[in-house]
Amino acid sequence: MPGPVYIVGVGLTKVSRHFDKSLIDLFAEASLKALEEAGVEPRDLDAVVVGNMLANSLGSQDSLGALLATSIGARYKAAFHVKAACGSGGVAVYTGYSLVASGLADLVLVGGVEKMTDYPTPVITTALAQAGEAEYEVFYGASFAALNALMMRLYMEKYGVSRDEMSEWPVMMHANAEKNPYAQIRRRISREDVAKSRVVADPIRLLDSSPIGDGAAAVLLASENGLKKLGKKPDVLVEIAGVGLAVDTVELSNREELDAIPALRYAALQAYNMAGIEPKKLDVVEVHDAFTITGILSLEALGLAEKGKAAKLVAEGRFHPGDKPVANPSGGLKARGHPVGATGVYQVAEITMQLRGDFPGVKVEGAEYGLASNIGGDGSTITAIVLRRVR
């Protein structure tokens, strides 16, 4: 059995258009916050794991593990650059967990970082599309918006879901993000605003879509032995209770289902079984809502709603603050923002703060269990991570 793995420090930057900060600046800001919170120096680390998707295609930089580890003073340590498209952050946490749980390391810093806004939108769209299947999707110009639009149209027609019902998801995300100081878009919207916003790929509209932004997040992982090395003992201890990782075909054309995210079901089942819980035990979830349909399908894949029912439940008030579980109190990718390679680390950091009771936005009072699910591509690489408050 793997040894216990605890999250003993977190650090976030605001998701924004950081024209005055480099990739290194953002990573250092988040990472040093996480280390300071635990009273740990970079020289105390055993390893650094970096989640990033676009630095090579946009910034011509491949040696991110070494570059970012040494930038914060972790020279001569183990360092990794993890890539799994938009799921890079979640897989980075999974990797860091594996290092600690296996006994190879006692203190591991996991950081996710992305710098997107220095580039024109068409360039970003092309780079993001590379998470799709290169020969049969990217070659023919299929963007992620177009592929998700296929899934959204099928879902709406198959289950009789109206535009108005689908629009409640982004409305809820914006309301949650309004209170989150780290969020990129902190303003409320209405269902009518969503329905009238510009069509991106019918039926997906602009307000169904996550924005382009820069940001970094970091979590410091520790073993039992690592806890003894901390300069500051955590007031509340949070454990990674279960992890899951599953893949599906990259191309949509070979999927068994287009109105579901099957790989998330498998990843979640792994995480639930490891944690010894059922979905009903969760108090808070951070799900991957790059588009409205992704958030809706995630709730169903996690076992939190019956197939075809999640959108209607959200429209009726389920998963809002005060419910169990609360979905995306951060504002999600939709409004907190989606600096792609960092998103999965943001989610784990946000759940950690919810369980500790110090998240600065919408709080889920008394939360004991939370789950973060991060998706690469259109459901091709997926992590599910269950966190538990242990004291």
Protein backbone atom coordinates (compact mmCIF):
# COMPACT_ATOMS: atom_id res chain seq x y z
CA MET A 1 0.00 0.00 0.00
CA PRO A 2 1.26 3.51 -0.75
CA GLY A 3 2.28 5.67 2.17
CA PRO A 4 0.18 8.70 3.13
CA VAL A 5 0.73 11.91 1.16
CA TYR A 6 -0.20 15.29 2.64
CA ILE A 7 -0.56 18.77 1.13
CA VAL A 8 1.29 21.11 3.47
CA GLY A 9 1.53 24.30 1.42
CA VAL A 10 -0.28 26.00 -1.47
CA GLY A 11 0.42 29.04 -3.59
CA LEU A 12 -1.60 30.76 -6.32
CA THR A 13 -1.27 33.70 -8.63
CA LYS A 14 -4.29 35.57 -9.91
CA VAL A 15 -5.27 34.34 -13.36
CA SER A 16 -4.96 37.35 -15.62
CA ARG A 17 -3.20 38.89 -18.60
CA HIS A 18 0.22 39.13 -16.98
CA PHE A 19 2.07 41.07 -19.66
CA ASP A 20 4.59 42.23 -17.03
CA LYS A 21 5.49 38.72 -15.81
CA SER A 22 7.32 35.85 -17.46
CA LEU A 23 6.69 32.12 -17.15
CA ILE A 24 9.50 31.97 -14.58
CA ASP A 25 8.06 34.93 -12.62
CA LEU A 26 4.64 33.29 -12.33
CA PHE A 27 6.04 29.89 -11.36
CA ALA A 28 8.32 31.42 -8.73
CA GLU A 29 5.52 33.51 -7.23
CA ALA A 30 3.22 30.53 -6.69
CA SER A 31 5.96 28.10 -5.67
CA LEU A 32 7.63 30.35 -3.13
CA LYS A 33 4.23 31.04 -1.53
CA ALA A 34 3.68 27.30 -1.09
CA LEU A 35 7.16 26.79 0.37
CA GLU A 36 6.86 29.77 2.70
CA GLU A 37 3.53 28.53 4.01
CA ALA A 38 5.21 25.30 5.16
CA GLY A 39 8.46 26.91 6.31
CA VAL A 40 10.44 24.99 3.70
CA GLU A 41 13.44 26.20 1.67
CA PRO A 42 13.98 25.11 -1.96
CA ARG A 43 17.12 23.25 -0.84
CA ASP A 44 14.91 21.06 1.39
CA LEU A 45 12.99 19.67 -1.60
CA ASP A 46 13.60 16.23 -3.03
CA ALA A 47 11.91 16.94 -6.35
CA VAL A 48 10.04 19.53 -8.42
CA VAL A 49 7.29 18.52 -10.85
CA VAL A 50 6.11 21.07 -13.43
CA GLY A 51 2.82 20.86 -15.31
CA ASN A 52 2.79 22.88 -18.54
CA MET A 53 1.26 22.44 -21.98
CA LEU A 54 2.37 25.24 -24.28
CA ALA A 55 5.89 26.44 -23.41
CA ASN A 56 7.49 24.42 -26.18
CA SER A 57 5.02 25.32 -28.97
CA LEU A 58 4.66 28.99 -27.96
CA GLY A 59 7.93 29.80 -26.22
CA SER A 60 10.39 27.34 -27.81
CA GLN A 61 11.25 26.03 -24.35
CA ASP A 62 11.39 22.32 -23.59
CA SER A 63 13.69 22.09 -20.54
CA LEU A 64 11.06 23.33 -18.11
CA GLY A 65 11.86 20.96 -15.25
CA ALA A 66 15.44 22.17 -14.98
CA LEU A 67 14.63 25.78 -15.88
CA LEU A 68 11.93 26.29 -13.27
CA ALA A 69 13.46 24.18 -10.51
CA THR A 70 16.74 26.09 -10.67
CA SER A 71 14.90 29.41 -10.97
CA ILE A 72 13.61 28.99 -7.40
CA GLY A 73 16.88 27.65 -6.00
CA ALA A 74 16.25 23.89 -6.24
CA ARG A 75 19.51 23.16 -8.05
CA TYR A 76 20.72 19.52 -8.10
CA LYS A 77 17.27 18.21 -7.22
CA ALA A 78 15.14 15.85 -9.29
CA ALA A 79 12.89 17.75 -11.70
CA PHE A 80 10.20 16.72 -14.18
CA HIS A 81 8.19 18.41 -16.90
CA VAL A 82 4.80 16.71 -17.26
CA LYS A 83 2.69 17.20 -20.39
CA ALA A 84 -0.85 15.92 -20.86
CA ALA A 85 -2.46 18.75 -22.83
CA CYS A 86 -4.97 20.67 -20.68
CA GLY A 87 -4.69 17.88 -18.12
CA SER A 88 -0.98 18.52 -17.47
CA GLY A 89 -1.57 19.99 -14.01
CA GLY A 90 -3.58 17.03 -12.75
CA VAL A 91 -1.05 14.53 -14.10
CA ALA A 92 1.73 16.60 -12.46
CA VAL A 93 -0.01 16.20 -9.09
CA TYR A 94 -0.48 12.49 -9.80
CA THR A 95 3.25 12.23 -10.54
CA GLY A 96 4.23 14.10 -7.39
CA TYR A 97 1.88 11.92 -5.36
CA SER A 98 3.51 8.81 -6.82
CA LEU A 99 7.00 10.00 -5.85
CA VAL A 100 5.98 10.58 -2.24
CA ALA A 101 3.67 7.58 -1.84
CA SER A 102 6.34 5.24 -3.21
CA GLY A 103 8.90 6.42 -0.69
CA LEU A 104 11.23 7.91 -3.30
CA ALA A 105 10.76 11.43 -1.94
CA ASP A 106 9.61 13.15 1.26
CA LEU A 107 9.03 16.69 0.00
CA VAL A 108 7.88 17.36 -3.56
CA LEU A 109 6.81 20.67 -5.02
CA VAL A 110 4.22 20.39 -7.79
CA GLY A 111 3.73 23.55 -9.82
CA GLY A 112 1.58 24.29 -12.85
CA VAL A 113 2.22 27.32 -15.01
CA GLU A 114 1.05 28.71 -18.34
CA LYS A 115 1.78 31.91 -20.27
CA MET A 116 -0.75 32.42 -23.04
CA THR A 117 -1.72 36.07 -23.44
CA ASP A 118 1.51 37.21 -25.11
CA TYR A 119 0.24 35.57 -28.30
CA PRO A 120 -2.67 36.35 -30.68
CA THR A 121 -5.83 34.30 -30.23
CA PRO A 122 -5.45 32.41 -33.56
CA VAL A 123 -1.97 31.27 -32.47
CA ILE A 124 -3.33 30.08 -29.11
CA THR A 125 -6.24 28.29 -30.80
CA THR A 126 -3.83 26.44 -33.10
CA ALA A 127 -1.56 25.48 -30.21
CA LEU A 128 -4.47 24.21 -28.11
CA ALA A 129 -5.79 22.19 -31.05
CA GLN A 130 -2.62 20.10 -30.91
CA ALA A 131 -4.16 18.29 -27.96
CA GLY A 132 -6.48 16.74 -30.54
CA GLU A 133 -5.67 13.98 -33.02
CA ALA A 134 -3.15 15.49 -35.44
CA GLU A 135 -3.93 13.52 -38.59
CA TYR A 136 -7.73 13.35 -38.52
CA GLU A 137 -8.80 16.35 -36.41
CA VAL A 138 -6.12 19.06 -36.34
CA PHE A 139 -5.26 18.58 -40.02
CA TYR A 140 -8.87 19.32 -41.02
CA GLY A 141 -9.13 22.38 -38.81
CA ALA A 142 -11.26 20.97 -36.00
CA SER A 143 -10.80 23.29 -33.00
CA PHE A 144 -11.66 22.30 -29.45
CA ALA A 145 -14.68 24.55 -29.57
CA ALA A 146 -15.95 22.70 -32.65
CA LEU A 147 -15.39 19.26 -31.11
CA ASN A 148 -17.10 20.24 -27.85
CA ALA A 149 -19.95 21.75 -29.85
CA LEU A 150 -20.63 18.31 -31.35
CA MET A 151 -20.90 16.86 -27.85
CA MET A 152 -23.07 19.72 -26.60
CA ARG A 153 -25.51 19.54 -29.52
CA LEU A 154 -25.93 15.78 -29.11
CA TYR A 155 -26.48 16.13 -25.37
CA MET A 156 -29.06 18.89 -25.71
CA GLU A 157 -31.03 17.10 -28.42
CA LYS A 158 -30.84 13.63 -26.87
CA TYR A 159 -31.93 14.69 -23.37
CA GLY A 160 -34.21 17.60 -24.25
CA VAL A 161 -32.05 20.24 -22.57
CA SER A 162 -32.82 23.84 -23.47
CA ARG A 163 -30.41 26.69 -24.11
CA ASP A 164 -31.76 28.39 -21.00
CA GLU A 165 -31.03 25.35 -18.83
CA MET A 166 -27.48 25.01 -20.16
CA SER A 167 -26.84 28.70 -19.51
CA GLU A 168 -27.18 28.34 -15.75
CA TRP A 169 -23.74 26.71 -15.53
CA PRO A 170 -21.76 29.79 -16.67
CA VAL A 171 -24.10 32.02 -14.65
CA MET A 172 -23.21 30.03 -11.52
CA MET A 173 -19.50 30.11 -12.36
CA HIS A 174 -19.45 33.88 -12.71
CA ALA A 175 -21.35 34.34 -9.45
CA ASN A 176 -18.80 32.16 -7.64
CA ALA A 177 -15.79 33.82 -9.26
CA GLU A 178 -17.02 37.28 -8.25
CA LYS A 179 -15.85 36.49 -4.69
CA ASN A 180 -12.56 34.83 -5.67
CA PRO A 181 -9.60 37.26 -5.68
CA TYR A 182 -7.59 34.85 -7.86
CA ALA A 183 -10.27 34.70 -10.58
CA GLN A 184 -9.80 36.22 -14.02
CA ILE A 185 -13.42 37.29 -14.62
CA ARG A 186 -15.13 38.68 -11.51
CA ARG A 187 -18.49 39.88 -12.79
CA ARG A 188 -21.96 38.39 -12.78
CA ILE A 189 -23.85 37.46 -15.92
CA SER A 190 -27.40 36.32 -16.68
CA ARG A 191 -28.79 33.44 -18.71
CA GLU A 192 -29.85 36.01 -21.27
CA ASP A 193 -26.27 37.28 -21.51
CA VAL A 194 -25.08 33.77 -22.31
CA ALA A 195 -27.75 33.17 -24.94
CA LYS A 196 -27.01 36.50 -26.66
CA SER A 197 -23.21 36.21 -26.60
CA ARG A 198 -21.31 35.59 -29.80
CA VAL A 199 -21.52 32.12 -31.36
CA VAL A 200 -18.13 30.37 -31.21
CA ALA A 201 -19.20 26.97 -32.60
CA ASP A 202 -22.95 26.44 -32.50
CA PRO A 203 -24.39 25.77 -29.92
CA ILE A 204 -21.34 26.93 -27.93
CA ARG A 205 -21.29 30.67 -27.35
CA LEU A 206 -18.59 32.95 -26.01
CA LEU A 207 -19.94 32.83 -22.46
CA ASP A 208 -19.95 29.03 -22.57
CA SER A 209 -16.18 29.16 -23.08
CA SER A 210 -13.25 29.58 -20.70
CA PRO A 211 -11.04 32.63 -21.33
CA ILE A 212 -7.36 32.79 -22.30
CA GLY A 213 -5.18 33.72 -19.32
CA ASP A 214 -1.82 33.39 -17.58
CA GLY A 215 -1.29 31.90 -14.16
CA ALA A 216 0.57 29.53 -11.85
CA ALA A 217 -0.37 27.36 -8.90
CA ALA A 218 1.72 25.17 -6.60
CA VAL A 219 1.18 22.55 -3.91
CA LEU A 220 3.82 21.13 -1.58
CA LEU A 221 3.45 17.39 -0.93
CA ALA A 222 4.92 15.65 2.11
CA SER A 223 5.26 12.14 3.48
CA GLU A 224 5.08 11.33 7.20
CA ASN A 225 8.83 11.85 7.32
CA GLY A 226 8.45 15.04 5.33
CA LEU A 227 6.08 16.43 7.98
CA LYS A 228 8.94 16.24 10.48
CA LYS A 229 11.08 18.45 8.22
CA LEU A 230 8.59 21.32 8.06
CA GLY A 231 9.45 24.63 9.63
CA LYS A 232 5.74 25.28 10.30
CA LYS A 233 3.25 22.60 11.31
CA PRO A 234 -0.07 22.95 9.46
CA ASP A 235 -3.06 23.94 11.59
CA VAL A 236 -5.23 21.68 9.39
CA LEU A 237 -3.77 18.66 7.66
CA VAL A 238 -5.09 17.64 4.25
CA GLU A 239 -4.33 14.24 2.73
CA ILE A 240 -4.50 13.05 -0.85
CA ALA A 241 -6.82 10.15 -0.08
CA GLY A 242 -7.22 8.72 -3.57
CA VAL A 243 -5.99 9.25 -7.11
CA GLY A 244 -7.10 7.99 -10.50
CA LEU A 245 -5.83 8.42 -14.03
CA ALA A 246 -7.42 7.05 -17.20
CA VAL A 247 -7.14 7.67 -20.93
CA ASP A 248 -9.46 7.34 -23.92
CA THR A 249 -8.97 7.75 -27.64
CA VAL A 250 -7.69 11.17 -28.60
CA GLU A 251 -10.00 11.37 -31.60
CA LEU A 252 -13.72 11.70 -30.91
CA SER A 253 -14.64 9.47 -33.86
CA ASN A 254 -13.49 6.33 -32.01
CA ARG A 255 -15.20 7.05 -28.70
CA GLU A 256 -17.83 4.68 -27.37
CA GLU A 257 -19.93 7.67 -26.22
CA LEU A 258 -20.15 11.31 -27.29
CA ASP A 259 -22.67 12.33 -24.63
CA ALA A 260 -20.36 11.28 -21.78
CA ILE A 261 -16.73 11.33 -20.61
CA PRO A 262 -16.04 7.63 -20.00
CA ALA A 263 -12.40 8.02 -18.95
CA LEU A 264 -13.48 10.28 -16.08
CA ARG A 265 -15.76 7.52 -14.78
CA TYR A 266 -12.80 5.15 -14.66
CA ALA A 267 -10.45 7.69 -13.09
CA ALA A 268 -13.04 8.65 -10.48
CA LEU A 269 -13.74 5.01 -9.62
CA GLN A 270 -10.02 4.48 -8.95
CA ALA A 271 -9.91 7.54 -6.71
CA TYR A 272 -13.11 6.66 -4.83
CA ASN A 273 -11.95 3.11 -4.22
CA MET A 274 -8.54 4.22 -2.97
CA ALA A 275 -10.15 6.79 -0.66
CA GLY A 276 -12.81 4.30 0.47
CA ILE A 277 -15.72 6.65 -0.23
CA GLU A 278 -18.76 7.01 -2.48
CA PRO A 279 -19.61 10.16 -4.49
CA LYS A 280 -22.27 11.20 -1.95
CA LYS A 281 -19.49 11.75 0.60
CA LEU A 282 -18.05 14.69 -1.34
CA ASP A 283 -18.64 18.19 0.02
CA VAL A 284 -16.95 20.14 -2.78
CA VAL A 285 -15.72 19.43 -6.30
CA GLU A 286 -13.64 21.36 -8.80
CA VAL A 287 -14.45 20.02 -12.26
CA HIS A 288 -12.98 20.83 -15.65
CA ASP A 289 -15.39 23.17 -17.44
CA ALA A 290 -13.40 24.46 -20.39
CA PHE A 291 -16.85 24.68 -21.98
CA THR A 292 -20.28 24.45 -20.37
CA ILE A 293 -20.79 20.94 -21.72
CA THR A 294 -17.54 19.71 -20.14
CA GLY A 295 -18.68 20.78 -16.69
CA ILE A 296 -22.10 19.19 -17.12
CA LEU A 297 -20.71 15.88 -18.39
CA SER A 298 -18.14 15.86 -15.57
CA LEU A 299 -20.85 15.92 -12.90
CA GLU A 300 -22.46 12.89 -14.50
CA ALA A 301 -19.18 11.00 -14.96
CA LEU A 302 -18.35 11.55 -11.29
CA GLY A 303 -21.59 9.89 -10.24
CA LEU A 304 -23.09 13.11 -8.91
CA ALA A 305 -26.00 13.19 -11.37
CA GLU A 306 -27.80 10.66 -13.55
CA LYS A 307 -26.91 10.62 -17.22
CA GLY A 308 -28.72 13.42 -19.06
CA LYS A 309 -29.87 15.08 -15.80
CA ALA A 310 -26.97 17.31 -14.67
CA ALA A 311 -27.84 20.40 -16.73
CA LYS A 312 -31.44 20.36 -15.53
CA LEU A 313 -30.31 19.87 -11.92
CA VAL A 314 -27.95 22.83 -12.13
CA ALA A 315 -30.76 24.94 -13.62
CA GLU A 316 -32.95 23.94 -10.66
CA GLY A 317 -30.33 25.04 -8.13
CA ARG A 318 -28.31 21.90 -7.43
CA PHE A 319 -24.52 22.17 -6.99
CA HIS A 320 -24.78 25.86 -6.07
CA PRO A 321 -23.26 27.22 -2.83
CA GLY A 322 -25.06 25.67 0.13
CA ASP A 323 -25.68 22.36 -1.63
CA LYS A 324 -23.70 19.11 -1.25
CA PRO A 325 -21.46 18.99 -3.11
CA VAL A 326 -20.79 22.53 -4.21
CA ALA A 327 -19.39 22.56 -7.75
CA ASN A 328 -16.55 24.93 -8.61
CA PRO A 329 -16.80 27.51 -5.82
CA SER A 330 -13.65 29.00 -7.40
CA GLY A 331 -15.61 29.93 -10.52
CA GLY A 332 -14.09 27.05 -12.46
CA LEU A 333 -12.21 27.28 -15.70
CA LYS A 334 -15.11 29.35 -17.03
CA ALA A 335 -14.52 32.34 -14.76
CA ARG A 336 -11.55 31.65 -12.48
CA GLY A 337 -9.72 31.08 -15.74
CA HIS A 338 -7.93 28.29 -17.56
CA PRO A 339 -4.14 28.71 -17.82
CA VAL A 340 -4.17 25.26 -19.33
CA GLY A 341 -1.14 23.44 -17.91
CA ALA A 342 -1.72 24.96 -14.47
CA THR A 343 -5.45 24.32 -14.15
CA GLY A 344 -5.22 20.91 -12.46
CA VAL A 345 -2.88 22.30 -9.80
CA TYR A 346 -5.22 25.26 -9.20
CA GLN A 347 -8.05 22.79 -8.60
CA VAL A 348 -6.09 20.74 -6.04
CA ALA A 349 -4.89 23.90 -4.27
CA GLU A 350 -8.44 25.29 -4.14
CA ILE A 351 -9.89 22.07 -2.72
CA THR A 352 -7.09 22.03 -0.13
CA MET A 353 -8.00 25.55 0.99
CA GLN A 354 -11.69 24.62 1.16
CA LEU A 355 -10.88 21.70 3.47
CA ARG A 356 -8.65 23.94 5.59
CA GLY A 357 -11.37 26.59 5.73
CA ASP A 358 -9.21 29.41 4.34
CA PHE A 359 -10.32 29.69 0.71
CA PRO A 360 -10.75 33.45 0.15
CA GLY A 361 -13.90 33.21 -1.99
CA VAL A 362 -17.09 31.15 -1.69
CA LYS A 363 -16.50 28.85 1.29
CA VAL A 364 -17.87 25.35 1.76
CA GLU A 365 -18.24 25.32 5.52
CA GLY A 366 -17.14 22.19 7.36
CA ALA A 367 -15.96 20.42 4.20
CA GLU A 368 -14.26 17.09 4.90
CA TYR A 369 -13.94 15.55 1.41
CA GLY A 370 -13.29 17.18 -1.96
CA LEU A 371 -12.44 16.06 -5.48
CA ALA A 372 -10.56 17.71 -8.34
CA SER A 373 -10.94 16.40 -11.89
CA ASN A 374 -8.73 17.66 -14.70
CA ILE A 375 -9.16 16.79 -18.38
CA GLY A 376 -6.62 16.73 -21.20
CA GLY A 377 -8.00 17.05 -24.71
CA ASP A 378 -11.67 16.22 -25.18
CA GLY A 379 -11.54 13.56 -22.49
CA SER A 380 -8.41 11.72 -23.62
CA THR A 381 -6.27 12.03 -20.44
CA ILE A 382 -8.07 12.51 -17.14
CA THR A 383 -7.15 12.63 -13.46
CA ALA A 384 -9.45 12.46 -10.46
CA ILE A 385 -7.96 13.34 -7.07
CA VAL A 386 -9.82 12.94 -3.77
CA LEU A 387 -8.66 15.04 -0.82
CA ARG A 388 -9.56 14.51 2.82
CA ARG A 389 -9.22 16.70 5.92
CA VAL A 390 -7.57 14.52 8.54
CA ARG A 391 -7.37 16.99 11.41
